[in-house]
Protein backbone atom coordinates (compact mmCIF):
# COMPACT_ATOMS: atom_id res chain seq x y z
CA MET A 1 14.32 -117.48 72.99
CA ASN A 2 17.19 -117.40 70.58
CA PHE A 3 19.74 -114.69 71.41
CA ILE A 4 21.77 -116.64 73.97
CA PRO A 5 22.19 -119.69 71.92
CA SER A 6 23.01 -117.57 68.79
CA LEU A 7 25.68 -115.51 70.73
CA GLU A 8 27.45 -118.84 72.07
CA LYS A 9 27.37 -120.33 68.82
CA ALA A 10 29.13 -117.36 67.06
CA PHE A 11 31.49 -117.03 69.77
CA GLN A 12 32.36 -120.64 69.83
CA GLU A 13 32.79 -120.24 65.67
CA ASN A 14 35.09 -117.34 66.27
CA GLY A 15 37.05 -118.51 69.42
CA ASN A 16 40.83 -118.78 69.35
CA THR A 17 42.45 -121.35 71.79
CA GLU A 18 45.77 -119.56 71.93
CA ASN A 19 44.03 -116.09 72.86
CA ALA A 20 41.94 -117.92 75.47
CA ALA A 21 44.91 -119.38 77.26
CA ALA A 22 46.42 -116.02 77.27
CA MET A 23 43.32 -114.08 78.43
CA SER A 24 42.62 -116.57 81.36
CA LYS A 25 46.48 -116.41 82.18
CA TYR A 26 46.13 -112.69 82.39
CA MET A 27 43.04 -112.97 84.67
CA LYS A 28 45.04 -115.25 87.06
CA ASN A 29 43.10 -118.29 85.33
CA ASN A 30 39.89 -117.27 87.31
CA PHE A 31 37.80 -117.73 84.12
CA GLN A 32 37.54 -119.38 80.69
CA PHE A 33 37.44 -117.34 77.60
CA PHE A 34 36.51 -118.26 74.06
CA GLY A 35 39.68 -116.13 73.04
CA ILE A 36 37.99 -113.35 71.23
CA LYS A 37 39.64 -109.95 71.21
CA THR A 38 37.53 -106.85 72.41
CA ASP A 39 36.87 -105.40 69.04
CA ASP A 40 35.70 -108.83 67.33
CA ARG A 41 33.47 -109.49 70.57
CA ARG A 42 31.75 -106.40 70.24
CA ARG A 43 31.18 -106.59 66.49
CA ILE A 44 29.87 -110.10 66.98
CA PHE A 45 27.74 -109.28 69.96
CA LYS A 46 26.36 -106.11 68.25
CA ALA A 47 25.03 -108.14 65.14
CA ILE A 48 23.52 -110.90 67.03
CA TRP A 49 21.95 -108.24 69.46
CA THR A 50 20.68 -106.47 66.55
CA GLU A 51 19.12 -109.52 64.89
CA ASN A 52 17.42 -110.12 68.60
CA GLN A 53 16.72 -106.47 69.61
CA LYS A 54 13.21 -107.02 70.78
CA GLU A 55 13.98 -110.21 72.81
CA VAL A 56 16.87 -108.57 74.35
CA SER A 57 14.86 -105.14 75.11
CA ASN A 58 12.03 -107.21 76.85
CA ASN A 59 14.20 -109.51 78.80
CA SER A 60 17.40 -107.61 79.30
CA ARG A 61 17.74 -108.47 83.22
CA GLU A 62 16.96 -112.18 82.74
CA ILE A 63 19.20 -112.56 79.71
CA ALA A 64 22.00 -110.54 81.61
CA LEU A 65 21.87 -112.71 84.54
CA SER A 66 21.85 -115.90 82.41
CA LEU A 67 24.68 -114.78 80.52
CA TYR A 68 26.64 -113.95 83.80
CA PHE A 69 26.27 -117.46 85.29
CA LYS A 70 27.95 -118.89 82.06
CA LYS A 71 31.56 -119.89 82.27
CA GLU A 72 33.00 -118.01 79.60
CA ARG A 73 34.22 -114.28 80.49
CA GLU A 74 33.22 -112.71 76.97
CA LEU A 75 29.48 -113.64 78.19
CA HIS A 76 29.86 -111.84 81.32
CA TYR A 77 31.10 -108.76 79.45
CA CYS A 78 28.10 -108.94 77.11
CA ALA A 79 25.55 -109.23 80.24
CA LEU A 80 27.24 -106.01 81.57
CA GLU A 81 26.77 -104.02 78.15
CA ILE A 82 23.20 -105.14 77.78
CA LEU A 83 22.51 -103.74 81.18
CA ILE A 84 24.29 -100.60 80.73
CA LYS A 85 22.43 -99.75 77.79
CA ASN A 86 18.88 -101.10 78.49
CA LEU A 87 18.80 -100.03 82.10
CA LYS A 88 19.61 -96.62 81.91
CA ASN A 89 17.18 -94.18 83.27
CA LYS A 90 14.86 -97.26 83.45
CA TYR A 91 16.21 -98.74 86.82
CA LYS A 92 13.46 -100.26 89.22
CA LYS A 93 14.04 -99.88 92.82
CA GLU A 94 14.62 -103.80 93.18
CA ASP A 95 17.36 -103.78 90.76
CA ILE A 96 19.54 -103.32 93.54
CA GLN A 97 19.31 -107.18 94.22
CA LEU A 98 20.19 -107.71 90.85
CA ILE A 99 23.14 -105.46 91.07
CA GLU A 100 24.43 -106.90 94.34
CA LYS A 101 24.17 -110.57 92.62
CA LEU A 102 26.43 -109.18 89.92
CA ILE A 103 29.07 -107.81 92.19
CA ILE A 104 29.59 -110.90 94.29
CA THR A 105 29.33 -113.52 91.27
CA ASN A 106 32.15 -114.16 89.16
CA SER A 107 34.12 -111.38 90.91
CA TRP A 108 37.18 -109.77 89.81
CA TRP A 109 38.48 -106.23 89.08
CA ASP A 110 37.34 -106.17 85.31
CA SER A 111 33.64 -106.87 85.99
CA VAL A 112 33.29 -105.23 89.35
CA ASP A 113 34.58 -101.85 88.36
CA VAL A 114 32.28 -101.65 85.32
CA ILE A 115 29.25 -102.61 87.41
CA ALA A 116 30.30 -100.07 90.13
CA LYS A 117 30.65 -97.13 87.87
CA PHE A 118 28.18 -97.75 85.13
CA ILE A 119 25.26 -99.85 87.00
CA LEU A 120 25.62 -99.23 90.52
CA GLY A 121 26.45 -95.49 89.96
CA GLY A 122 23.71 -95.13 87.51
CA TYR A 123 21.32 -96.72 89.82
CA LEU A 124 21.95 -94.51 92.79
CA LEU A 125 21.73 -91.56 90.59
CA HIS A 126 18.09 -92.67 89.50
CA PHE A 127 17.38 -93.36 93.25
CA PRO A 128 19.48 -90.99 95.31
CA LEU A 129 17.55 -91.58 98.50
CA GLU A 130 18.72 -95.39 98.37
CA THR A 131 22.41 -94.16 98.57
CA ASP A 132 22.98 -94.11 102.27
CA ALA A 133 21.35 -97.44 102.94
CA VAL A 134 22.84 -99.29 100.00
CA ILE A 135 26.34 -97.94 100.47
CA SER A 136 26.33 -98.42 104.07
CA ARG A 137 25.57 -102.18 103.50
CA PHE A 138 27.97 -102.63 100.82
CA SER A 139 30.73 -100.76 102.78
CA ASN A 140 30.16 -103.09 105.96
CA SER A 141 29.99 -106.05 104.02
CA GLU A 142 32.32 -108.87 104.67
CA ASN A 143 32.58 -109.37 100.80
CA MET A 144 35.59 -107.08 99.71
CA TRP A 145 34.08 -106.70 96.34
CA LEU A 146 31.03 -104.96 97.55
CA ASN A 147 33.42 -102.82 99.71
CA ARG A 148 35.40 -101.85 96.54
CA SER A 149 32.06 -101.02 94.75
CA ALA A 150 31.17 -98.69 97.70
CA ILE A 151 34.29 -96.90 97.21
CA LEU A 152 34.26 -96.73 93.41
CA PHE A 153 30.45 -96.09 92.67
CA GLN A 154 30.83 -92.28 92.40
CA LEU A 155 33.73 -92.46 89.51
CA GLY A 156 31.51 -90.80 87.02
CA TYR A 157 29.95 -88.40 89.08
CA LYS A 158 32.27 -85.38 88.91
CA GLU A 159 30.73 -82.32 90.44
CA LYS A 160 27.67 -84.37 91.69
CA THR A 161 30.21 -86.27 93.89
CA ASP A 162 29.35 -86.48 97.61
CA PHE A 163 32.59 -85.87 98.86
CA ASP A 164 31.88 -86.08 102.46
CA LEU A 165 30.47 -89.83 101.68
CA LEU A 166 33.37 -90.78 99.84
CA LYS A 167 35.82 -89.45 102.63
CA SER A 168 34.03 -91.57 105.22
CA ILE A 169 34.31 -94.60 103.08
CA CYS A 170 37.91 -94.05 102.37
CA GLU A 171 38.37 -93.61 106.27
CA LYS A 172 36.65 -96.65 106.91
CA HIS A 173 38.73 -98.98 104.86
CA LYS A 174 42.08 -97.17 104.68
CA THR A 175 43.72 -99.46 107.08
CA SER A 176 42.76 -102.47 104.95
CA THR A 177 45.82 -104.52 103.73
CA GLU A 178 44.03 -105.66 100.54
CA PHE A 179 45.50 -104.54 97.34
CA PHE A 180 42.20 -103.98 95.54
CA ILE A 181 40.74 -101.74 98.39
CA GLN A 182 44.09 -99.75 98.63
CA LYS A 183 44.02 -99.28 94.88
CA ALA A 184 40.29 -98.31 94.96
CA ILE A 185 40.60 -95.70 97.43
CA GLY A 186 43.53 -94.11 95.36
CA TRP A 187 41.66 -94.14 92.24
CA ALA A 188 38.48 -92.81 93.61
CA LEU A 189 40.33 -89.88 95.19
CA ARG A 190 42.37 -89.32 91.94
CA GLU A 191 39.16 -89.28 89.89
CA TYR A 192 37.63 -86.65 92.27
CA ALA A 193 40.85 -84.68 92.02
CA LYS A 194 39.87 -83.85 88.46
CA THR A 195 37.15 -81.60 89.90
CA ASN A 196 38.37 -80.52 93.24
CA PRO A 197 42.17 -81.17 93.44
CA GLU A 198 42.67 -79.13 96.67
CA ALA A 199 40.10 -80.90 98.63
CA VAL A 200 41.69 -84.34 97.72
CA LYS A 201 45.05 -82.95 98.58
CA ASP A 202 43.87 -81.84 102.13
CA PHE A 203 42.02 -84.98 102.77
CA VAL A 204 45.10 -87.17 101.90
CA SER A 205 47.42 -84.97 103.71
CA ALA A 206 45.28 -85.26 106.91
CA SER A 207 44.20 -88.89 106.67
CA ASN A 208 47.36 -91.25 106.84
CA LEU A 209 46.34 -93.30 104.08
CA LYS A 210 48.20 -96.64 102.99
CA LYS A 211 51.15 -95.54 100.56
CA LEU A 212 49.57 -97.20 97.46
CA SER A 213 46.37 -95.32 97.98
CA GLU A 214 48.23 -91.95 98.81
CA LYS A 215 50.29 -92.36 95.75
CA GLU A 216 47.34 -93.21 93.31
CA ALA A 217 45.31 -90.25 94.75
CA LEU A 218 47.79 -87.79 94.32
CA LYS A 219 49.22 -89.16 90.82
CA ASN A 220 47.81 -86.10 88.67
CA ILE A 221 48.02 -83.34 91.38
CA LYS A 222 50.80 -81.12 90.72
């Protein structure tokens, strides 16, 4: 298999130590970086992917997981981009195990939010009957990032949003003192407010949310 070694080699050759230090600092020094800016990363990644398209298409889950356990954050981003493109409308029911592993591995907002919206959200549109069980398990987990994913997975659903489900998850976590949970509640409600602002306004008014959640939820409602 040539894809991963080729990608790592290209990233190493195009790395920038000054950028890497700044990127790591921005991410609270949770991750190492090659130091490649987003546009350059995507350009390099696209070229290597195109050269190895068959390999990636035939082994997308395995390749993505391997990339995700590497130390450099740029490789994690590539892993998610592979899954977003290659799993769309092609999910298998057992993919929820992969999705959960990604959420709880190398967890930070930049990866978890992408997984929640584009991968978990896509999976549950593909298998809607799994929604109650999956979201109940994630919401009840002691892992904060699974909780956040349960709140955010409907970000792209618009009129397909199950608002009753969203409200119940927000109610469950509204007393959390965790910044990432309070912010997620506000973000999820703010996004649904683009579809149904009155419903969000009524819910916020009646729910006694934390100030951060309330502020975020109502940010764009006049």
